[in-house]
Amino acid sequence: MIRMRRVYDPPEPGADGVRVLVDRLWPRGLSKDAARVDAWPKAVTPSAELRRWYHSGAGSWEEFRARYEAELAAGGAQARAELERLRGLAAEGPVTLLSAVKDPERSHVSVLAEVLAEVLAEEG
């Protein structure tokens, strides 16, 4: 099971499983103790250029989604290793993808969750 939550929401120990921060930058105003993050795979987060482009309003959600999926597919060895690690964690139990974004459903978080869920469905 893959969940999406805001990193600012309090942890849910019985439901969160492995808590994975999927933002490239550490969330403002949040201590590492309060976040209770188990992993921070920066190589699977959107590039700074893509993030700036999307937040500038220059492109649509659909275009951002396609560009981020392309970044994930073209990622280097580190990105592939981190995706494999996340897939392995999700195969073993709950994984919660955490982000500081206000709307995880319309962000890289939902794209990453879908990519991971698709691979798990193919393997399952």
C-alpha atoms as a PDB file:
ATOM      1  CA  MET A   1       0.000   0.000   0.000  1.00  0.00           C
ATOM      2  CA  ILE A   2       1.267   3.438  -0.951  1.00  0.00           C
ATOM      3  CA  ARG A   3      -0.121   6.483   0.843  1.00  0.00           C
ATOM      4  CA  MET A   4       0.384  10.192   0.250  1.00  0.00           C
ATOM      5  CA  ARG A   5       0.419  12.719   3.071  1.00  0.00           C
ATOM      6  CA  ARG A   6       1.685  16.151   3.878  1.00  0.00           C
ATOM      7  CA  VAL A   7       4.875  16.017   5.917  1.00  0.00           C
ATOM      8  CA  TYR A   8       3.371  18.588   8.292  1.00  0.00           C
ATOM      9  CA  ASP A   9       0.562  16.198   9.291  1.00  0.00           C
ATOM     10  CA  PRO A  10       1.279  14.225  12.476  1.00  0.00           C
ATOM     11  CA  PRO A  11       2.597  10.690  11.925  1.00  0.00           C
ATOM     12  CA  GLU A  12       0.133   7.811  12.118  1.00  0.00           C
ATOM     13  CA  PRO A  13       2.274   4.990  13.558  1.00  0.00           C
ATOM     14  CA  GLY A  14      -0.221   2.221  12.829  1.00  0.00           C
ATOM     15  CA  ALA A  15      -0.831   3.239   9.223  1.00  0.00           C
ATOM     16  CA  ASP A  16       2.180   5.114   7.821  1.00  0.00           C
ATOM     17  CA  GLY A  17       4.632   2.235   7.621  1.00  0.00           C
ATOM     18  CA  VAL A  18       7.874   3.533   6.137  1.00  0.00           C
ATOM     19  CA  ARG A  19       7.770   7.334   5.895  1.00  0.00           C
ATOM     20  CA  VAL A  20       9.541   8.630   2.778  1.00  0.00           C
ATOM     21  CA  LEU A  21      10.129  12.330   2.092  1.00  0.00           C
ATOM     22  CA  VAL A  22       9.883  12.879  -1.670  1.00  0.00           C
ATOM     23  CA  ASP A  23      10.804  16.575  -1.827  1.00  0.00           C
ATOM     24  CA  ARG A  24      14.243  17.699  -2.952  1.00  0.00           C
ATOM     25  CA  LEU A  25      14.418  20.371  -0.227  1.00  0.00           C
ATOM     26  CA  TRP A  26      13.774  19.896   3.482  1.00  0.00           C
ATOM     27  CA  PRO A  27      10.358  21.361   4.483  1.00  0.00           C
ATOM     28  CA  ARG A  28      10.502  24.773   6.116  1.00  0.00           C
ATOM     29  CA  GLY A  29       9.885  25.037   9.826  1.00  0.00           C
ATOM     30  CA  LEU A  30       9.919  21.291  10.479  1.00  0.00           C
ATOM     31  CA  SER A  31      12.494  19.575  12.632  1.00  0.00           C
ATOM     32  CA  LYS A  32      13.831  16.198  11.604  1.00  0.00           C
ATOM     33  CA  ASP A  33      12.567  14.699  14.878  1.00  0.00           C
ATOM     34  CA  ALA A  34       9.021  15.968  14.268  1.00  0.00           C
ATOM     35  CA  ALA A  35       8.980  14.742  10.650  1.00  0.00           C
ATOM     36  CA  ARG A  36       9.963  11.185  11.577  1.00  0.00           C
ATOM     37  CA  VAL A  37      11.225  10.473   8.077  1.00  0.00           C
ATOM     38  CA  ASP A  38      12.711   7.024   7.422  1.00  0.00           C
ATOM     39  CA  ALA A  39      14.085   7.724   3.926  1.00  0.00           C
ATOM     40  CA  TRP A  40      14.781  10.753   1.728  1.00  0.00           C
ATOM     41  CA  PRO A  41      15.497   9.579  -1.858  1.00  0.00           C
ATOM     42  CA  LYS A  42      16.304  12.906  -3.510  1.00  0.00           C
ATOM     43  CA  ALA A  43      17.190  11.264  -6.836  1.00  0.00           C
ATOM     44  CA  VAL A  44      13.513  10.444  -7.514  1.00  0.00           C
ATOM     45  CA  THR A  45      12.270  13.981  -6.903  1.00  0.00           C
ATOM     46  CA  PRO A  46      11.603  16.386  -9.791  1.00  0.00           C
ATOM     47  CA  SER A  47      14.571  18.408 -10.970  1.00  0.00           C
ATOM     48  CA  ALA A  48      14.837  22.010  -9.777  1.00  0.00           C
ATOM     49  CA  GLU A  49      14.216  23.175 -13.355  1.00  0.00           C
ATOM     50  CA  LEU A  50      11.020  21.126 -13.705  1.00  0.00           C
ATOM     51  CA  ARG A  51       9.771  22.211 -10.300  1.00  0.00           C
ATOM     52  CA  ARG A  52      10.367  25.907 -11.087  1.00  0.00           C
ATOM     53  CA  TRP A  53       8.738  25.550 -14.510  1.00  0.00           C
ATOM     54  CA  TYR A  54       5.590  23.951 -13.074  1.00  0.00           C
ATOM     55  CA  HIS A  55       5.242  26.402 -10.189  1.00  0.00           C
ATOM     56  CA  SER A  56       5.655  29.364 -12.543  1.00  0.00           C
ATOM     57  CA  GLY A  57       2.367  28.425 -14.210  1.00  0.00           C
ATOM     58  CA  ALA A  58       4.025  28.019 -17.605  1.00  0.00           C
ATOM     59  CA  GLY A  59       2.624  24.556 -18.217  1.00  0.00           C
ATOM     60  CA  SER A  60      -0.305  22.301 -17.515  1.00  0.00           C
ATOM     61  CA  TRP A  61      -0.630  19.506 -14.984  1.00  0.00           C
ATOM     62  CA  GLU A  62      -0.638  16.961 -17.818  1.00  0.00           C
ATOM     63  CA  GLU A  63       2.588  18.348 -19.260  1.00  0.00           C
ATOM     64  CA  PHE A  64       4.252  18.406 -15.840  1.00  0.00           C
ATOM     65  CA  ARG A  65       3.198  14.808 -15.302  1.00  0.00           C
ATOM     66  CA  ALA A  66       4.654  13.719 -18.647  1.00  0.00           C
ATOM     67  CA  ARG A  67       7.917  15.585 -18.019  1.00  0.00           C
ATOM     68  CA  TYR A  68       8.307  14.126 -14.534  1.00  0.00           C
ATOM     69  CA  GLU A  69       7.600  10.600 -15.772  1.00  0.00           C
ATOM     70  CA  ALA A  70      10.266  11.158 -18.443  1.00  0.00           C
ATOM     71  CA  GLU A  71      12.722  12.322 -15.764  1.00  0.00           C
ATOM     72  CA  LEU A  72      12.018   9.202 -13.720  1.00  0.00           C
ATOM     73  CA  ALA A  73      12.469   6.962 -16.772  1.00  0.00           C
ATOM     74  CA  ALA A  74      15.710   8.675 -17.776  1.00  0.00           C
ATOM     75  CA  GLY A  75      17.106   8.816 -14.247  1.00  0.00           C
ATOM     76  CA  GLY A  76      20.624   7.643 -13.635  1.00  0.00           C
ATOM     77  CA  ALA A  77      21.813   4.672 -11.642  1.00  0.00           C
ATOM     78  CA  GLN A  78      21.067   6.356  -8.325  1.00  0.00           C
ATOM     79  CA  ALA A  79      17.469   7.163  -9.325  1.00  0.00           C
ATOM     80  CA  ARG A  80      16.896   3.601 -10.538  1.00  0.00           C
ATOM     81  CA  ALA A  81      18.343   2.212  -7.306  1.00  0.00           C
ATOM     82  CA  GLU A  82      16.129   4.463  -5.194  1.00  0.00           C
ATOM     83  CA  LEU A  83      13.017   3.520  -7.206  1.00  0.00           C
ATOM     84  CA  GLU A  84      13.865  -0.147  -6.734  1.00  0.00           C
ATOM     85  CA  ARG A  85      14.313   0.419  -3.006  1.00  0.00           C
ATOM     86  CA  LEU A  86      10.912   2.122  -2.784  1.00  0.00           C
ATOM     87  CA  ARG A  87       9.296  -0.686  -4.766  1.00  0.00           C
ATOM     88  CA  GLY A  88      10.847  -3.214  -2.401  1.00  0.00           C
ATOM     89  CA  LEU A  89       9.622  -1.338   0.661  1.00  0.00           C
ATOM     90  CA  ALA A  90       6.112  -1.074  -0.792  1.00  0.00           C
ATOM     91  CA  ALA A  91       6.083  -4.797  -1.564  1.00  0.00           C
ATOM     92  CA  GLU A  92       6.867  -5.514   2.106  1.00  0.00           C
ATOM     93  CA  GLY A  93       4.321  -3.187   3.722  1.00  0.00           C
ATOM     94  CA  PRO A  94       2.815   0.294   3.839  1.00  0.00           C
ATOM     95  CA  VAL A  95       4.843   3.210   2.486  1.00  0.00           C
ATOM     96  CA  THR A  96       3.808   6.813   3.006  1.00  0.00           C
ATOM     97  CA  LEU A  97       5.138   9.369   0.528  1.00  0.00           C
ATOM     98  CA  LEU A  98       5.534  12.696   2.329  1.00  0.00           C
ATOM     99  CA  SER A  99       5.747  16.158   0.823  1.00  0.00           C
ATOM    100  CA  ALA A 100       5.326  19.775   1.824  1.00  0.00           C
ATOM    101  CA  VAL A 101       3.107  20.485  -1.198  1.00  0.00           C
ATOM    102  CA  LYS A 102      -0.362  21.752  -0.399  1.00  0.00           C
ATOM    103  CA  ASP A 103      -2.102  19.436  -2.878  1.00  0.00           C
ATOM    104  CA  PRO A 104      -0.340  16.054  -3.115  1.00  0.00           C
ATOM    105  CA  GLU A 105      -2.927  14.845  -5.665  1.00  0.00           C
ATOM    106  CA  ARG A 106      -1.759  17.455  -8.209  1.00  0.00           C
ATOM    107  CA  SER A 107       1.954  17.133  -7.610  1.00  0.00           C
ATOM    108  CA  HIS A 108       4.907  14.866  -8.203  1.00  0.00           C
ATOM    109  CA  VAL A 109       3.797  12.814  -5.204  1.00  0.00           C
ATOM    110  CA  SER A 110       0.787  11.343  -7.011  1.00  0.00           C
ATOM    111  CA  VAL A 111       2.862  10.648 -10.132  1.00  0.00           C
ATOM    112  CA  LEU A 112       5.499   8.811  -8.108  1.00  0.00           C
ATOM    113  CA  ALA A 113       2.826   6.871  -6.203  1.00  0.00           C
ATOM    114  CA  GLU A 114       1.235   5.773  -9.491  1.00  0.00           C
ATOM    115  CA  VAL A 115       4.579   4.735 -10.985  1.00  0.00           C
ATOM    116  CA  LEU A 116       5.310   2.614  -7.920  1.00  0.00           C
ATOM    117  CA  ALA A 117       1.783   1.146  -7.836  1.00  0.00           C
ATOM    118  CA  GLU A 118       1.928   0.198 -11.532  1.00  0.00           C
ATOM    119  CA  VAL A 119       5.167  -1.698 -11.092  1.00  0.00           C
ATOM    120  CA  LEU A 120       3.844  -3.480  -8.003  1.00  0.00           C
ATOM    121  CA  ALA A 121       0.684  -4.472  -9.900  1.00  0.00           C
ATOM    122  CA  GLU A 122       2.792  -5.882 -12.746  1.00  0.00           C
ATOM    123  CA  GLU A 123       4.912  -7.875 -10.294  1.00  0.00           C
ATOM    124  CA  GLY A 124       1.956  -9.019  -8.183  1.00  0.00           C
END
